[in-house]
Amino acid sequence: MREIIGLAVLSWPLVLLSVIGLAFVVAIPLAVRYAKRTGSSKWRWGIAAFLLVFLPIFWDWIPTVAVHQYYCAKESGFWVYKTLDQWKAENPGVMETLVANKVAPQTQERFDDGHGVTDTYLLNDRFNWIIIKQDISSLLPIMRFEQQVKDVKKNEVLARYVDFATGNSIKNTVGPPGPLKFWLHSGHCIGGEMNDSKLAHFFIAAKNINEKGTSK
């Protein structure tokens, strides 16, 4: 039974594409035949049939790609506003006293009527790792992701990473477009995975503790 379920999960994109392709194969020839019988333009009816199938399914494809690229070019990236060495120099002796939370306590806050969520992980007494996710549009499935490493005592952001993904929404993770429109899925901007990794290395270093949870 598990094998059948697994096969269904893996094959449903192919099945969906086959159904969409079949709709094109059926609708366009039918429209052309009708045009022949009525003496109408075959090109007009063929194009109309194509759009009748294409637009309800793929109408948001080009706008999503275009807007995603725009925001990636405008806002995405990784920034270090203050290195850990600089922070240590400004706060002598403090880093050595920090003890990491083995399982970082987490708080979550939703905003923008459920279209945004902020997860805050308390790494230790001074540093928080903050993840902010937000839909940038109620029409197109584009999500903005921001991560920060923050000195909570001074309310100062040390490093920040911004990225954009497409194919789903924060508020409606199951409904359309969701997993059905898998062709819209893009997890990052160009270079986003590398920037994500840079931020991860930064907050791991900010914890500055060993696996046993004691300060180095």
C-alpha atoms as a PDB file:
ATOM      1  CA  MET A   1       0.000   0.000   0.000  1.00  0.00           C
ATOM      2  CA  ARG A   2       2.839   2.403   0.873  1.00  0.00           C
ATOM      3  CA  GLU A   3       4.466   1.668  -2.472  1.00  0.00           C
ATOM      4  CA  ILE A   4       1.248   2.539  -4.293  1.00  0.00           C
ATOM      5  CA  ILE A   5       0.873   5.804  -2.365  1.00  0.00           C
ATOM      6  CA  GLY A   6       4.509   6.681  -3.028  1.00  0.00           C
ATOM      7  CA  LEU A   7       4.094   5.982  -6.732  1.00  0.00           C
ATOM      8  CA  ALA A   8       0.968   8.154  -6.841  1.00  0.00           C
ATOM      9  CA  VAL A   9       2.806  11.030  -5.159  1.00  0.00           C
ATOM     10  CA  LEU A  10       5.684  10.809  -7.632  1.00  0.00           C
ATOM     11  CA  SER A  11       3.525  10.392 -10.724  1.00  0.00           C
ATOM     12  CA  TRP A  12       0.773  12.972 -10.149  1.00  0.00           C
ATOM     13  CA  PRO A  13       2.684  15.837 -11.847  1.00  0.00           C
ATOM     14  CA  LEU A  14       3.014  13.706 -14.980  1.00  0.00           C
ATOM     15  CA  VAL A  15      -0.666  12.780 -14.767  1.00  0.00           C
ATOM     16  CA  LEU A  16      -1.661  16.431 -14.387  1.00  0.00           C
ATOM     17  CA  LEU A  17       0.460  17.477 -17.356  1.00  0.00           C
ATOM     18  CA  SER A  18      -1.031  14.641 -19.400  1.00  0.00           C
ATOM     19  CA  VAL A  19      -4.553  15.833 -18.609  1.00  0.00           C
ATOM     20  CA  ILE A  20      -3.653  19.409 -19.553  1.00  0.00           C
ATOM     21  CA  GLY A  21      -2.004  18.216 -22.768  1.00  0.00           C
ATOM     22  CA  LEU A  22      -5.054  16.124 -23.607  1.00  0.00           C
ATOM     23  CA  ALA A  23      -7.254  19.180 -23.136  1.00  0.00           C
ATOM     24  CA  PHE A  24      -5.173  21.043 -25.726  1.00  0.00           C
ATOM     25  CA  VAL A  25      -5.203  18.088 -28.116  1.00  0.00           C
ATOM     26  CA  VAL A  26      -8.986  17.801 -27.915  1.00  0.00           C
ATOM     27  CA  ALA A  27     -10.053  21.449 -27.724  1.00  0.00           C
ATOM     28  CA  ILE A  28      -7.990  22.906 -30.586  1.00  0.00           C
ATOM     29  CA  PRO A  29      -8.923  20.341 -33.285  1.00  0.00           C
ATOM     30  CA  LEU A  30     -12.586  20.590 -32.283  1.00  0.00           C
ATOM     31  CA  ALA A  31     -12.455  24.371 -32.627  1.00  0.00           C
ATOM     32  CA  VAL A  32     -10.758  24.127 -36.051  1.00  0.00           C
ATOM     33  CA  ARG A  33     -13.329  21.647 -37.298  1.00  0.00           C
ATOM     34  CA  TYR A  34     -16.145  23.897 -36.145  1.00  0.00           C
ATOM     35  CA  ALA A  35     -14.533  26.811 -37.957  1.00  0.00           C
ATOM     36  CA  LYS A  36     -14.367  24.776 -41.163  1.00  0.00           C
ATOM     37  CA  ARG A  37     -18.049  23.824 -40.954  1.00  0.00           C
ATOM     38  CA  THR A  38     -19.169  27.392 -40.296  1.00  0.00           C
ATOM     39  CA  GLY A  39     -16.767  29.090 -42.692  1.00  0.00           C
ATOM     40  CA  SER A  40     -15.093  30.978 -39.865  1.00  0.00           C
ATOM     41  CA  SER A  41     -11.392  31.659 -39.440  1.00  0.00           C
ATOM     42  CA  LYS A  42      -9.586  28.491 -38.349  1.00  0.00           C
ATOM     43  CA  TRP A  43      -6.768  30.549 -36.854  1.00  0.00           C
ATOM     44  CA  ARG A  44      -9.125  32.604 -34.702  1.00  0.00           C
ATOM     45  CA  TRP A  45     -10.997  29.588 -33.420  1.00  0.00           C
ATOM     46  CA  GLY A  46      -7.778  27.625 -32.865  1.00  0.00           C
ATOM     47  CA  ILE A  47      -6.198  30.462 -30.905  1.00  0.00           C
ATOM     48  CA  ALA A  48      -9.423  30.989 -28.952  1.00  0.00           C
ATOM     49  CA  ALA A  49      -9.502  27.291 -28.004  1.00  0.00           C
ATOM     50  CA  PHE A  50      -5.834  27.446 -26.978  1.00  0.00           C
ATOM     51  CA  LEU A  51      -6.450  30.468 -24.749  1.00  0.00           C
ATOM     52  CA  LEU A  52      -9.583  28.881 -23.311  1.00  0.00           C
ATOM     53  CA  VAL A  53      -7.456  26.028 -21.973  1.00  0.00           C
ATOM     54  CA  PHE A  54      -4.246  27.976 -21.324  1.00  0.00           C
ATOM     55  CA  LEU A  55      -5.436  31.064 -19.448  1.00  0.00           C
ATOM     56  CA  PRO A  56      -7.400  29.444 -16.577  1.00  0.00           C
ATOM     57  CA  ILE A  57      -4.361  27.294 -15.760  1.00  0.00           C
ATOM     58  CA  PHE A  58      -1.286  29.294 -16.765  1.00  0.00           C
ATOM     59  CA  TRP A  59      -2.490  32.915 -16.546  1.00  0.00           C
ATOM     60  CA  ASP A  60      -0.204  33.662 -13.583  1.00  0.00           C
ATOM     61  CA  TRP A  61       2.928  31.970 -14.935  1.00  0.00           C
ATOM     62  CA  ILE A  62       4.535  34.872 -16.800  1.00  0.00           C
ATOM     63  CA  PRO A  63       3.481  37.550 -14.242  1.00  0.00           C
ATOM     64  CA  THR A  64       4.841  35.416 -11.399  1.00  0.00           C
ATOM     65  CA  VAL A  65       8.209  34.889 -13.083  1.00  0.00           C
ATOM     66  CA  ALA A  66       8.481  38.574 -14.023  1.00  0.00           C
ATOM     67  CA  VAL A  67       7.571  39.927 -10.570  1.00  0.00           C
ATOM     68  CA  HIS A  68       9.795  37.357  -8.860  1.00  0.00           C
ATOM     69  CA  GLN A  69      12.789  38.440 -10.939  1.00  0.00           C
ATOM     70  CA  TYR A  70      12.004  42.098 -10.248  1.00  0.00           C
ATOM     71  CA  TYR A  71      11.992  41.642  -6.465  1.00  0.00           C
ATOM     72  CA  CYS A  72      15.073  39.411  -6.584  1.00  0.00           C
ATOM     73  CA  ALA A  73      16.988  42.130  -8.434  1.00  0.00           C
ATOM     74  CA  LYS A  74      15.660  44.877  -6.165  1.00  0.00           C
ATOM     75  CA  GLU A  75      15.838  43.432  -2.643  1.00  0.00           C
ATOM     76  CA  SER A  76      17.498  40.023  -2.365  1.00  0.00           C
ATOM     77  CA  GLY A  77      20.964  39.527  -0.915  1.00  0.00           C
ATOM     78  CA  PHE A  78      23.077  38.906   2.160  1.00  0.00           C
ATOM     79  CA  TRP A  79      24.523  41.675   4.317  1.00  0.00           C
ATOM     80  CA  VAL A  80      26.828  41.698   7.328  1.00  0.00           C
ATOM     81  CA  TYR A  81      26.454  44.956   9.196  1.00  0.00           C
ATOM     82  CA  LYS A  82      28.822  43.974  11.978  1.00  0.00           C
ATOM     83  CA  THR A  83      31.136  40.974  12.075  1.00  0.00           C
ATOM     84  CA  LEU A  84      31.356  38.824  15.184  1.00  0.00           C
ATOM     85  CA  ASP A  85      34.932  40.007  15.716  1.00  0.00           C
ATOM     86  CA  GLN A  86      33.695  43.593  15.722  1.00  0.00           C
ATOM     87  CA  TRP A  87      30.902  42.660  18.116  1.00  0.00           C
ATOM     88  CA  LYS A  88      33.359  40.923  20.439  1.00  0.00           C
ATOM     89  CA  ALA A  89      35.604  43.979  20.429  1.00  0.00           C
ATOM     90  CA  GLU A  90      32.653  46.183  21.399  1.00  0.00           C
ATOM     91  CA  ASN A  91      31.483  43.713  24.063  1.00  0.00           C
ATOM     92  CA  PRO A  92      34.666  42.356  25.689  1.00  0.00           C
ATOM     93  CA  GLY A  93      34.235  39.209  27.715  1.00  0.00           C
ATOM     94  CA  VAL A  94      30.552  38.803  26.902  1.00  0.00           C
ATOM     95  CA  MET A  95      30.847  36.115  24.228  1.00  0.00           C
ATOM     96  CA  GLU A  96      32.672  33.801  26.630  1.00  0.00           C
ATOM     97  CA  THR A  97      29.749  33.940  29.072  1.00  0.00           C
ATOM     98  CA  LEU A  98      27.059  33.001  26.556  1.00  0.00           C
ATOM     99  CA  VAL A  99      25.498  29.560  26.775  1.00  0.00           C
ATOM    100  CA  ALA A 100      23.400  28.347  23.866  1.00  0.00           C
ATOM    101  CA  ASN A 101      19.934  26.962  24.301  1.00  0.00           C
ATOM    102  CA  LYS A 102      20.177  23.319  23.249  1.00  0.00           C
ATOM    103  CA  VAL A 103      16.683  23.575  21.798  1.00  0.00           C
ATOM    104  CA  ALA A 104      16.260  27.254  21.042  1.00  0.00           C
ATOM    105  CA  PRO A 105      12.907  28.481  22.427  1.00  0.00           C
ATOM    106  CA  GLN A 106      10.682  29.748  19.670  1.00  0.00           C
ATOM    107  CA  THR A 107       7.982  32.384  19.477  1.00  0.00           C
ATOM    108  CA  GLN A 108       5.705  32.927  16.503  1.00  0.00           C
ATOM    109  CA  GLU A 109       3.706  35.965  15.513  1.00  0.00           C
ATOM    110  CA  ARG A 110       1.341  36.233  12.574  1.00  0.00           C
ATOM    111  CA  PHE A 111       0.597  39.541  10.867  1.00  0.00           C
ATOM    112  CA  ASP A 112      -0.958  41.007   7.726  1.00  0.00           C
ATOM    113  CA  ASP A 113      -4.145  38.973   8.213  1.00  0.00           C
ATOM    114  CA  GLY A 114      -2.223  35.703   8.126  1.00  0.00           C
ATOM    115  CA  HIS A 115      -0.167  36.569   5.054  1.00  0.00           C
ATOM    116  CA  GLY A 116       2.934  37.014   7.200  1.00  0.00           C
ATOM    117  CA  VAL A 117       4.590  35.138  10.028  1.00  0.00           C
ATOM    118  CA  THR A 118       7.630  35.884  12.192  1.00  0.00           C
ATOM    119  CA  ASP A 119       9.481  33.058  13.938  1.00  0.00           C
ATOM    120  CA  THR A 120      11.997  34.079  16.576  1.00  0.00           C
ATOM    121  CA  TYR A 121      14.532  31.591  17.958  1.00  0.00           C
ATOM    122  CA  LEU A 122      16.316  32.532  21.172  1.00  0.00           C
ATOM    123  CA  LEU A 123      19.858  31.277  20.543  1.00  0.00           C
ATOM    124  CA  ASN A 124      21.251  32.580  23.826  1.00  0.00           C
ATOM    125  CA  ASP A 125      20.948  35.588  26.136  1.00  0.00           C
ATOM    126  CA  ARG A 126      22.117  38.046  23.486  1.00  0.00           C
ATOM    127  CA  PHE A 127      21.366  36.660  20.044  1.00  0.00           C
ATOM    128  CA  ASN A 128      18.086  35.865  18.338  1.00  0.00           C
ATOM    129  CA  TRP A 129      17.624  34.248  14.956  1.00  0.00           C
ATOM    130  CA  ILE A 130      14.574  35.813  13.319  1.00  0.00           C
ATOM    131  CA  ILE A 131      12.776  34.452  10.254  1.00  0.00           C
ATOM    132  CA  ILE A 132      10.138  36.638   8.599  1.00  0.00           C
ATOM    133  CA  LYS A 133       7.952  35.181   5.837  1.00  0.00           C
ATOM    134  CA  GLN A 134       5.344  37.207   3.994  1.00  0.00           C
ATOM    135  CA  ASP A 135       3.193  37.065   0.858  1.00  0.00           C
ATOM    136  CA  ILE A 136       3.998  40.088  -1.275  1.00  0.00           C
ATOM    137  CA  SER A 137       0.792  39.727  -3.293  1.00  0.00           C
ATOM    138  CA  SER A 138      -2.669  38.326  -2.714  1.00  0.00           C
ATOM    139  CA  LEU A 139      -2.906  37.604  -6.438  1.00  0.00           C
ATOM    140  CA  LEU A 140       0.437  36.026  -7.328  1.00  0.00           C
ATOM    141  CA  PRO A 141       2.117  33.223  -5.350  1.00  0.00           C
ATOM    142  CA  ILE A 142       5.297  35.072  -4.379  1.00  0.00           C
ATOM    143  CA  MET A 143       6.753  34.971  -0.876  1.00  0.00           C
ATOM    144  CA  ARG A 144       9.404  37.156   0.715  1.00  0.00           C
ATOM    145  CA  PHE A 145      11.784  35.559   3.206  1.00  0.00           C
ATOM    146  CA  GLU A 146      14.040  37.485   5.546  1.00  0.00           C
ATOM    147  CA  GLN A 147      16.390  36.124   8.174  1.00  0.00           C
ATOM    148  CA  GLN A 148      18.259  38.158  10.766  1.00  0.00           C
ATOM    149  CA  VAL A 149      20.799  37.584  13.482  1.00  0.00           C
ATOM    150  CA  LYS A 150      20.045  40.203  16.095  1.00  0.00           C
ATOM    151  CA  ASP A 151      21.619  41.416  19.317  1.00  0.00           C
ATOM    152  CA  VAL A 152      18.455  41.744  21.373  1.00  0.00           C
ATOM    153  CA  LYS A 153      20.030  43.772  24.156  1.00  0.00           C
ATOM    154  CA  LYS A 154      21.099  46.550  21.775  1.00  0.00           C
ATOM    155  CA  ASN A 155      18.279  45.913  19.279  1.00  0.00           C
ATOM    156  CA  GLU A 156      20.941  45.690  16.584  1.00  0.00           C
ATOM    157  CA  VAL A 157      20.887  43.505  13.459  1.00  0.00           C
ATOM    158  CA  LEU A 158      24.313  41.996  12.804  1.00  0.00           C
ATOM    159  CA  ALA A 159      23.523  40.093   9.608  1.00  0.00           C
ATOM    160  CA  ARG A 160      20.537  39.865   7.285  1.00  0.00           C
ATOM    161  CA  TYR A 161      19.467  37.729   4.334  1.00  0.00           C
ATOM    162  CA  VAL A 162      16.526  38.410   1.987  1.00  0.00           C
ATOM    163  CA  ASP A 163      15.179  36.005  -0.608  1.00  0.00           C
ATOM    164  CA  PHE A 164      12.016  35.376  -2.629  1.00  0.00           C
ATOM    165  CA  ALA A 165      10.254  32.133  -3.533  1.00  0.00           C
ATOM    166  CA  THR A 166       7.287  31.326  -5.740  1.00  0.00           C
ATOM    167  CA  GLY A 167       4.654  28.634  -6.087  1.00  0.00           C
ATOM    168  CA  ASN A 168       2.701  28.904  -2.864  1.00  0.00           C
ATOM    169  CA  SER A 169       1.634  31.348  -0.192  1.00  0.00           C
ATOM    170  CA  ILE A 170       2.087  31.771   3.547  1.00  0.00           C
ATOM    171  CA  LYS A 171      -1.627  31.985   4.272  1.00  0.00           C
ATOM    172  CA  ASN A 172      -2.871  29.386   1.782  1.00  0.00           C
ATOM    173  CA  THR A 173      -0.264  26.643   1.761  1.00  0.00           C
ATOM    174  CA  VAL A 174      -2.663  23.952   0.590  1.00  0.00           C
ATOM    175  CA  GLY A 175      -5.090  25.697  -1.730  1.00  0.00           C
ATOM    176  CA  PRO A 176      -4.384  27.016  -5.227  1.00  0.00           C
ATOM    177  CA  PRO A 177      -1.857  27.510  -6.611  1.00  0.00           C
ATOM    178  CA  GLY A 178      -0.176  25.304  -4.026  1.00  0.00           C
ATOM    179  CA  PRO A 179       1.375  22.022  -5.154  1.00  0.00           C
ATOM    180  CA  LEU A 180      -0.962  21.725  -8.130  1.00  0.00           C
ATOM    181  CA  LYS A 181       0.865  24.447 -10.058  1.00  0.00           C
ATOM    182  CA  PHE A 182       4.279  22.899  -9.534  1.00  0.00           C
ATOM    183  CA  TRP A 183       5.652  24.700 -12.593  1.00  0.00           C
ATOM    184  CA  LEU A 184       5.480  27.952 -10.618  1.00  0.00           C
ATOM    185  CA  HIS A 185       7.788  26.658  -7.893  1.00  0.00           C
ATOM    186  CA  SER A 186      11.090  28.457  -7.409  1.00  0.00           C
ATOM    187  CA  GLY A 187      12.677  28.193  -3.999  1.00  0.00           C
ATOM    188  CA  HIS A 188      15.178  31.031  -4.242  1.00  0.00           C
ATOM    189  CA  CYS A 189      16.471  33.967  -6.193  1.00  0.00           C
ATOM    190  CA  ILE A 190      19.710  33.388  -8.085  1.00  0.00           C
ATOM    191  CA  GLY A 191      22.355  32.936  -5.403  1.00  0.00           C
ATOM    192  CA  GLY A 192      19.714  32.594  -2.710  1.00  0.00           C
ATOM    193  CA  GLU A 193      20.813  29.155  -1.507  1.00  0.00           C
ATOM    194  CA  MET A 194      24.363  30.409  -1.036  1.00  0.00           C
ATOM    195  CA  ASN A 195      23.116  33.464   0.869  1.00  0.00           C
ATOM    196  CA  ASP A 196      20.949  31.229   3.037  1.00  0.00           C
ATOM    197  CA  SER A 197      24.006  29.130   3.837  1.00  0.00           C
ATOM    198  CA  LYS A 198      26.032  32.257   4.705  1.00  0.00           C
ATOM    199  CA  LEU A 199      23.364  33.400   7.166  1.00  0.00           C
ATOM    200  CA  ALA A 200      23.220  29.917   8.692  1.00  0.00           C
ATOM    201  CA  HIS A 201      26.967  29.902   9.253  1.00  0.00           C
ATOM    202  CA  PHE A 202      26.752  33.343  10.810  1.00  0.00           C
ATOM    203  CA  PHE A 203      24.090  32.442  13.370  1.00  0.00           C
ATOM    204  CA  ILE A 204      25.848  29.168  14.223  1.00  0.00           C
ATOM    205  CA  ALA A 205      29.015  31.150  14.884  1.00  0.00           C
ATOM    206  CA  ALA A 206      27.004  33.664  16.920  1.00  0.00           C
ATOM    207  CA  LYS A 207      25.984  30.922  19.300  1.00  0.00           C
ATOM    208  CA  ASN A 208      29.692  30.260  19.917  1.00  0.00           C
ATOM    209  CA  ILE A 209      29.116  27.106  21.913  1.00  0.00           C
ATOM    210  CA  ASN A 210      30.033  23.446  21.642  1.00  0.00           C
ATOM    211  CA  GLU A 211      27.653  20.505  21.269  1.00  0.00           C
ATOM    212  CA  LYS A 212      27.296  20.083  25.023  1.00  0.00           C
ATOM    213  CA  GLY A 213      25.846  23.549  25.364  1.00  0.00           C
ATOM    214  CA  THR A 214      28.697  25.121  27.313  1.00  0.00           C
ATOM    215  CA  SER A 215      30.526  28.259  26.220  1.00  0.00           C
ATOM    216  CA  LYS A 216      33.832  27.767  24.404  1.00  0.00           C
END
